[in-house]
Amino acid sequence: MNTYDEFQRAQMFFDARDYISASRLLAPVAEAEPGNGAVAELLARAYFHSAQLGRAEDAFRRVLDIDPGNGWAHEALARTLERRNRPDEAARYRKLAVAMGVTPSEEIEVSVTAANLAD
């Protein structure tokens, strides 16, 4: 199976809200395709939604390395840092997101599945 097929499979798991499985499939794809913004962003989102916040932070930073003008990624990194109890650092990224026209989201959706509990 090639990286595109693996990405498609991971997208299906993500859409089914199985974020752990999506992240497991996406991690090697992101490693094989380090400059692929779509892969990096989906991996970061999967980590965020599965409450793997350290990995989510690293992944959102990678998204910003690929595309520094991605306002949504600045907002997502801010939300991740807030969840990690680092509001001062988050504020910097939130300000950048707002300057780029992104409206801050008040709601954070977190999904916990049986797969999360098994790890």
N, C-alpha and C. Protein backbone atom coordinates (compact mmCIF):
# COMPACT_ATOMS: atom_id res chain seq x y z
N MET A 1 0.84 -1.18 0.00
CA MET A 1 0.00 0.00 0.00
C MET A 1 0.89 1.25 0.00
N ASN A 2 0.54 2.23 -0.80
CA ASN A 2 1.36 3.45 -0.87
C ASN A 2 0.88 4.49 0.15
N THR A 3 1.64 5.57 0.26
CA THR A 3 1.32 6.57 1.28
C THR A 3 -0.03 7.24 1.04
N TYR A 4 -0.41 7.41 -0.21
CA TYR A 4 -1.72 8.01 -0.49
C TYR A 4 -2.84 7.10 0.02
N ASP A 5 -2.71 5.80 -0.23
CA ASP A 5 -3.73 4.86 0.26
C ASP A 5 -3.80 4.87 1.78
N GLU A 6 -2.64 4.93 2.43
CA GLU A 6 -2.61 4.98 3.89
C GLU A 6 -3.25 6.27 4.39
N PHE A 7 -3.00 7.38 3.70
CA PHE A 7 -3.63 8.64 4.07
C PHE A 7 -5.14 8.53 3.94
N GLN A 8 -5.61 7.94 2.87
CA GLN A 8 -7.06 7.77 2.67
C GLN A 8 -7.66 6.89 3.78
N ARG A 9 -6.98 5.82 4.13
CA ARG A 9 -7.46 4.97 5.23
C ARG A 9 -7.51 5.76 6.54
N ALA A 10 -6.47 6.53 6.81
CA ALA A 10 -6.43 7.33 8.02
C ALA A 10 -7.55 8.35 8.03
N GLN A 11 -7.84 8.94 6.87
CA GLN A 11 -8.94 9.91 6.77
C GLN A 11 -10.27 9.24 7.13
N MET A 12 -10.45 8.00 6.70
CA MET A 12 -11.68 7.27 7.03
C MET A 12 -11.79 7.04 8.54
N PHE A 13 -10.68 6.66 9.18
CA PHE A 13 -10.70 6.48 10.63
C PHE A 13 -10.98 7.81 11.33
N PHE A 14 -10.37 8.88 10.84
CA PHE A 14 -10.58 10.19 11.44
C PHE A 14 -12.06 10.58 11.32
N ASP A 15 -12.62 10.40 10.13
CA ASP A 15 -14.02 10.75 9.92
C ASP A 15 -14.95 9.92 10.80
N ALA A 16 -14.52 8.70 11.15
CA ALA A 16 -15.30 7.83 12.04
C ALA A 16 -15.01 8.14 13.51
N ARG A 17 -14.21 9.17 13.75
CA ARG A 17 -13.81 9.62 15.09
C ARG A 17 -12.97 8.59 15.85
N ASP A 18 -12.27 7.77 15.11
CA ASP A 18 -11.29 6.86 15.71
C ASP A 18 -9.93 7.52 15.53
N TYR A 19 -9.68 8.50 16.37
CA TYR A 19 -8.50 9.35 16.21
C TYR A 19 -7.20 8.62 16.54
N ILE A 20 -7.25 7.68 17.44
CA ILE A 20 -6.05 6.89 17.77
C ILE A 20 -5.59 6.09 16.56
N SER A 21 -6.52 5.39 15.92
CA SER A 21 -6.16 4.60 14.73
C SER A 21 -5.69 5.51 13.61
N ALA A 22 -6.35 6.65 13.45
CA ALA A 22 -5.93 7.58 12.41
C ALA A 22 -4.50 8.05 12.66
N SER A 23 -4.18 8.37 13.91
CA SER A 23 -2.82 8.85 14.20
C SER A 23 -1.79 7.74 13.99
N ARG A 24 -2.15 6.52 14.32
CA ARG A 24 -1.21 5.39 14.11
C ARG A 24 -0.92 5.19 12.63
N LEU A 25 -1.91 5.37 11.79
CA LEU A 25 -1.70 5.23 10.35
C LEU A 25 -0.94 6.43 9.78
N LEU A 26 -1.22 7.60 10.31
CA LEU A 26 -0.63 8.82 9.75
C LEU A 26 0.82 9.05 10.15
N ALA A 27 1.23 8.60 11.32
CA ALA A 27 2.60 8.87 11.79
C ALA A 27 3.65 8.41 10.79
N PRO A 28 3.59 7.17 10.28
CA PRO A 28 4.62 6.78 9.30
C PRO A 28 4.48 7.51 7.96
N VAL A 29 3.25 7.89 7.60
CA VAL A 29 3.05 8.65 6.36
C VAL A 29 3.69 10.03 6.50
N ALA A 30 3.50 10.67 7.66
CA ALA A 30 4.10 11.98 7.90
C ALA A 30 5.63 11.90 7.89
N GLU A 31 6.15 10.80 8.40
CA GLU A 31 7.60 10.62 8.39
C GLU A 31 8.11 10.43 6.96
N ALA A 32 7.34 9.72 6.14
CA ALA A 32 7.75 9.49 4.75
C ALA A 32 7.55 10.72 3.88
N GLU A 33 6.61 11.59 4.26
CA GLU A 33 6.27 12.79 3.48
C GLU A 33 6.35 14.02 4.38
N PRO A 34 7.55 14.40 4.84
CA PRO A 34 7.67 15.46 5.84
C PRO A 34 7.19 16.84 5.37
N GLY A 35 7.11 17.08 4.10
CA GLY A 35 6.66 18.38 3.61
C GLY A 35 5.21 18.43 3.21
N ASN A 36 4.48 17.36 3.44
CA ASN A 36 3.09 17.27 3.03
C ASN A 36 2.20 17.91 4.11
N GLY A 37 1.69 19.09 3.81
CA GLY A 37 0.88 19.82 4.77
C GLY A 37 -0.43 19.13 5.13
N ALA A 38 -1.07 18.47 4.17
CA ALA A 38 -2.34 17.80 4.45
C ALA A 38 -2.14 16.66 5.44
N VAL A 39 -1.07 15.91 5.27
CA VAL A 39 -0.77 14.80 6.18
C VAL A 39 -0.44 15.35 7.56
N ALA A 40 0.41 16.37 7.61
CA ALA A 40 0.81 16.95 8.89
C ALA A 40 -0.38 17.51 9.64
N GLU A 41 -1.29 18.18 8.93
CA GLU A 41 -2.46 18.77 9.59
C GLU A 41 -3.42 17.71 10.10
N LEU A 42 -3.68 16.68 9.30
CA LEU A 42 -4.59 15.63 9.77
C LEU A 42 -4.00 14.88 10.96
N LEU A 43 -2.69 14.65 10.94
CA LEU A 43 -2.04 14.00 12.07
C LEU A 43 -2.15 14.86 13.32
N ALA A 44 -1.91 16.15 13.19
CA ALA A 44 -2.02 17.06 14.34
C ALA A 44 -3.44 17.06 14.90
N ARG A 45 -4.42 17.09 14.02
CA ARG A 45 -5.82 17.06 14.46
C ARG A 45 -6.16 15.75 15.15
N ALA A 46 -5.64 14.64 14.62
CA ALA A 46 -5.90 13.33 15.25
C ALA A 46 -5.28 13.28 16.64
N TYR A 47 -4.07 13.78 16.78
CA TYR A 47 -3.44 13.83 18.09
C TYR A 47 -4.25 14.73 19.05
N PHE A 48 -4.68 15.88 18.58
CA PHE A 48 -5.44 16.80 19.42
C PHE A 48 -6.73 16.15 19.91
N HIS A 49 -7.47 15.57 18.99
CA HIS A 49 -8.77 14.99 19.34
C HIS A 49 -8.65 13.75 20.22
N SER A 50 -7.50 13.11 20.19
CA SER A 50 -7.30 11.94 21.06
C SER A 50 -6.54 12.32 22.32
N ALA A 51 -6.41 13.61 22.57
CA ALA A 51 -5.78 14.15 23.78
C ALA A 51 -4.32 13.74 23.93
N GLN A 52 -3.63 13.53 22.82
CA GLN A 52 -2.19 13.31 22.82
C GLN A 52 -1.55 14.69 22.61
N LEU A 53 -1.62 15.49 23.65
CA LEU A 53 -1.35 16.92 23.49
C LEU A 53 0.11 17.25 23.19
N GLY A 54 1.04 16.51 23.75
CA GLY A 54 2.45 16.74 23.42
C GLY A 54 2.72 16.48 21.95
N ARG A 55 2.19 15.39 21.46
CA ARG A 55 2.34 15.07 20.04
C ARG A 55 1.59 16.07 19.18
N ALA A 56 0.41 16.49 19.64
CA ALA A 56 -0.37 17.48 18.88
C ALA A 56 0.42 18.79 18.77
N GLU A 57 1.01 19.22 19.87
CA GLU A 57 1.81 20.44 19.83
C GLU A 57 2.93 20.33 18.81
N ASP A 58 3.68 19.24 18.87
CA ASP A 58 4.78 19.04 17.91
C ASP A 58 4.25 19.03 16.47
N ALA A 59 3.13 18.36 16.27
CA ALA A 59 2.57 18.23 14.91
C ALA A 59 2.05 19.57 14.40
N PHE A 60 1.39 20.36 15.25
CA PHE A 60 0.94 21.68 14.80
C PHE A 60 2.13 22.60 14.52
N ARG A 61 3.19 22.46 15.28
CA ARG A 61 4.39 23.24 14.99
C ARG A 61 4.97 22.83 13.63
N ARG A 62 4.88 21.55 13.31
CA ARG A 62 5.36 21.09 12.00
C ARG A 62 4.49 21.69 10.89
N VAL A 63 3.16 21.73 11.12
CA VAL A 63 2.26 22.35 10.14
C VAL A 63 2.68 23.80 9.90
N LEU A 64 3.00 24.51 10.98
CA LEU A 64 3.41 25.91 10.84
C LEU A 64 4.78 26.04 10.19
N ASP A 65 5.65 25.07 10.37
CA ASP A 65 6.92 25.08 9.65
C ASP A 65 6.69 24.95 8.15
N ILE A 66 5.73 24.12 7.78
CA ILE A 66 5.40 23.91 6.37
C ILE A 66 4.71 25.13 5.79
N ASP A 67 3.77 25.70 6.56
CA ASP A 67 2.98 26.84 6.08
C ASP A 67 2.79 27.86 7.20
N PRO A 68 3.74 28.79 7.38
CA PRO A 68 3.65 29.76 8.48
C PRO A 68 2.44 30.68 8.39
N GLY A 69 1.82 30.78 7.23
CA GLY A 69 0.66 31.64 7.05
C GLY A 69 -0.67 30.95 7.31
N ASN A 70 -0.62 29.74 7.85
CA ASN A 70 -1.84 28.98 8.13
C ASN A 70 -2.44 29.46 9.45
N GLY A 71 -3.37 30.39 9.36
CA GLY A 71 -3.98 30.96 10.56
C GLY A 71 -4.70 29.93 11.40
N TRP A 72 -5.36 28.98 10.75
CA TRP A 72 -6.06 27.93 11.49
C TRP A 72 -5.07 27.13 12.34
N ALA A 73 -3.89 26.85 11.82
CA ALA A 73 -2.90 26.09 12.58
C ALA A 73 -2.40 26.89 13.78
N HIS A 74 -2.31 28.20 13.65
CA HIS A 74 -1.95 29.04 14.80
C HIS A 74 -3.01 28.92 15.89
N GLU A 75 -4.28 28.97 15.49
CA GLU A 75 -5.38 28.83 16.45
C GLU A 75 -5.37 27.44 17.10
N ALA A 76 -5.14 26.41 16.29
CA ALA A 76 -5.12 25.04 16.82
C ALA A 76 -3.96 24.86 17.80
N LEU A 77 -2.81 25.44 17.48
CA LEU A 77 -1.68 25.36 18.40
C LEU A 77 -2.00 26.10 19.69
N ALA A 78 -2.66 27.25 19.59
CA ALA A 78 -3.06 27.99 20.79
C ALA A 78 -3.99 27.15 21.66
N ARG A 79 -4.96 26.49 21.04
CA ARG A 79 -5.89 25.65 21.80
C ARG A 79 -5.15 24.49 22.46
N THR A 80 -4.19 23.92 21.75
CA THR A 80 -3.40 22.83 22.32
C THR A 80 -2.61 23.30 23.52
N LEU A 81 -1.96 24.44 23.40
CA LEU A 81 -1.18 24.98 24.51
C LEU A 81 -2.06 25.32 25.70
N GLU A 82 -3.25 25.82 25.45
CA GLU A 82 -4.19 26.08 26.55
C GLU A 82 -4.55 24.79 27.28
N ARG A 83 -4.80 23.76 26.52
CA ARG A 83 -5.13 22.47 27.13
C ARG A 83 -3.95 21.91 27.92
N ARG A 84 -2.74 22.35 27.59
CA ARG A 84 -1.55 21.92 28.31
C ARG A 84 -1.21 22.89 29.44
N ASN A 85 -2.13 23.78 29.73
CA ASN A 85 -1.99 24.75 30.82
C ASN A 85 -0.82 25.71 30.60
N ARG A 86 -0.72 26.22 29.36
CA ARG A 86 0.31 27.19 29.00
C ARG A 86 -0.34 28.39 28.32
N PRO A 87 -1.23 29.09 29.04
CA PRO A 87 -2.01 30.17 28.40
C PRO A 87 -1.17 31.34 27.91
N ASP A 88 -0.07 31.64 28.58
CA ASP A 88 0.75 32.77 28.12
C ASP A 88 1.36 32.50 26.75
N GLU A 89 1.83 31.29 26.56
CA GLU A 89 2.39 30.91 25.26
C GLU A 89 1.29 30.83 24.21
N ALA A 90 0.13 30.34 24.62
CA ALA A 90 -1.01 30.22 23.70
C ALA A 90 -1.45 31.59 23.18
N ALA A 91 -1.38 32.59 24.04
CA ALA A 91 -1.85 33.93 23.67
C ALA A 91 -1.13 34.46 22.43
N ARG A 92 0.15 34.19 22.34
CA ARG A 92 0.93 34.65 21.19
C ARG A 92 0.39 34.06 19.88
N TYR A 93 0.10 32.77 19.89
CA TYR A 93 -0.41 32.11 18.68
C TYR A 93 -1.84 32.53 18.39
N ARG A 94 -2.63 32.75 19.44
CA ARG A 94 -4.01 33.22 19.24
C ARG A 94 -4.01 34.59 18.58
N LYS A 95 -3.11 35.49 19.02
CA LYS A 95 -3.03 36.82 18.42
C LYS A 95 -2.67 36.73 16.94
N LEU A 96 -1.74 35.85 16.62
CA LEU A 96 -1.37 35.66 15.21
C LEU A 96 -2.56 35.14 14.40
N ALA A 97 -3.30 34.20 14.97
CA ALA A 97 -4.46 33.63 14.28
C ALA A 97 -5.51 34.72 14.02
N VAL A 98 -5.77 35.53 15.03
CA VAL A 98 -6.75 36.61 14.88
C VAL A 98 -6.27 37.60 13.82
N ALA A 99 -5.00 37.92 13.83
CA ALA A 99 -4.45 38.84 12.82
C ALA A 99 -4.58 38.28 11.42
N MET A 100 -4.63 36.95 11.32
CA MET A 100 -4.78 36.30 10.02
C MET A 100 -6.25 36.08 9.65
N GLY A 101 -7.16 36.57 10.51
CA GLY A 101 -8.57 36.49 10.20
C GLY A 101 -9.30 35.28 10.73
N VAL A 102 -8.66 34.52 11.61
CA VAL A 102 -9.30 33.33 12.17
C VAL A 102 -10.06 33.72 13.43
N THR A 103 -11.30 33.30 13.51
CA THR A 103 -12.11 33.56 14.70
C THR A 103 -11.83 32.48 15.73
N PRO A 104 -11.45 32.87 16.94
CA PRO A 104 -11.18 31.86 17.98
C PRO A 104 -12.42 31.01 18.26
N SER A 105 -12.20 29.75 18.43
CA SER A 105 -13.28 28.82 18.75
C SER A 105 -13.38 28.67 20.26
N GLU A 106 -14.58 28.75 20.77
CA GLU A 106 -14.80 28.61 22.20
C GLU A 106 -14.95 27.15 22.60
N GLU A 107 -15.38 26.33 21.67
CA GLU A 107 -15.68 24.94 21.99
C GLU A 107 -14.52 24.04 21.58
N ILE A 108 -14.13 23.16 22.47
CA ILE A 108 -13.10 22.18 22.18
C ILE A 108 -13.75 20.81 22.27
N GLU A 109 -13.72 20.10 21.16
CA GLU A 109 -14.30 18.76 21.14
C GLU A 109 -13.20 17.75 21.42
N VAL A 110 -13.43 16.92 22.39
CA VAL A 110 -12.48 15.86 22.71
C VAL A 110 -13.25 14.55 22.71
N SER A 111 -12.73 13.59 22.02
CA SER A 111 -13.40 12.29 21.97
C SER A 111 -12.53 11.27 22.68
N VAL A 112 -13.17 10.49 23.51
CA VAL A 112 -12.48 9.39 24.19
C VAL A 112 -13.22 8.12 23.82
N THR A 113 -12.48 7.16 23.30
CA THR A 113 -13.09 5.89 22.90
C THR A 113 -12.48 4.77 23.72
N ALA A 114 -13.04 3.61 23.57
CA ALA A 114 -12.48 2.44 24.27
C ALA A 114 -11.04 2.21 23.87
N ALA A 115 -10.70 2.53 22.63
CA ALA A 115 -9.32 2.37 22.17
C ALA A 115 -8.37 3.25 22.98
N ASN A 116 -8.83 4.44 23.38
CA ASN A 116 -8.01 5.31 24.20
C ASN A 116 -7.73 4.67 25.55
N LEU A 117 -8.71 4.03 26.11
CA LEU A 117 -8.59 3.46 27.43
C LEU A 117 -7.68 2.23 27.44
N ALA A 118 -7.55 1.56 26.31
CA ALA A 118 -6.73 0.36 26.23
C ALA A 118 -5.24 0.68 26.18
N ASP A 119 -4.90 1.90 25.77
CA ASP A 119 -3.48 2.29 25.63
C ASP A 119 -2.83 2.63 26.93
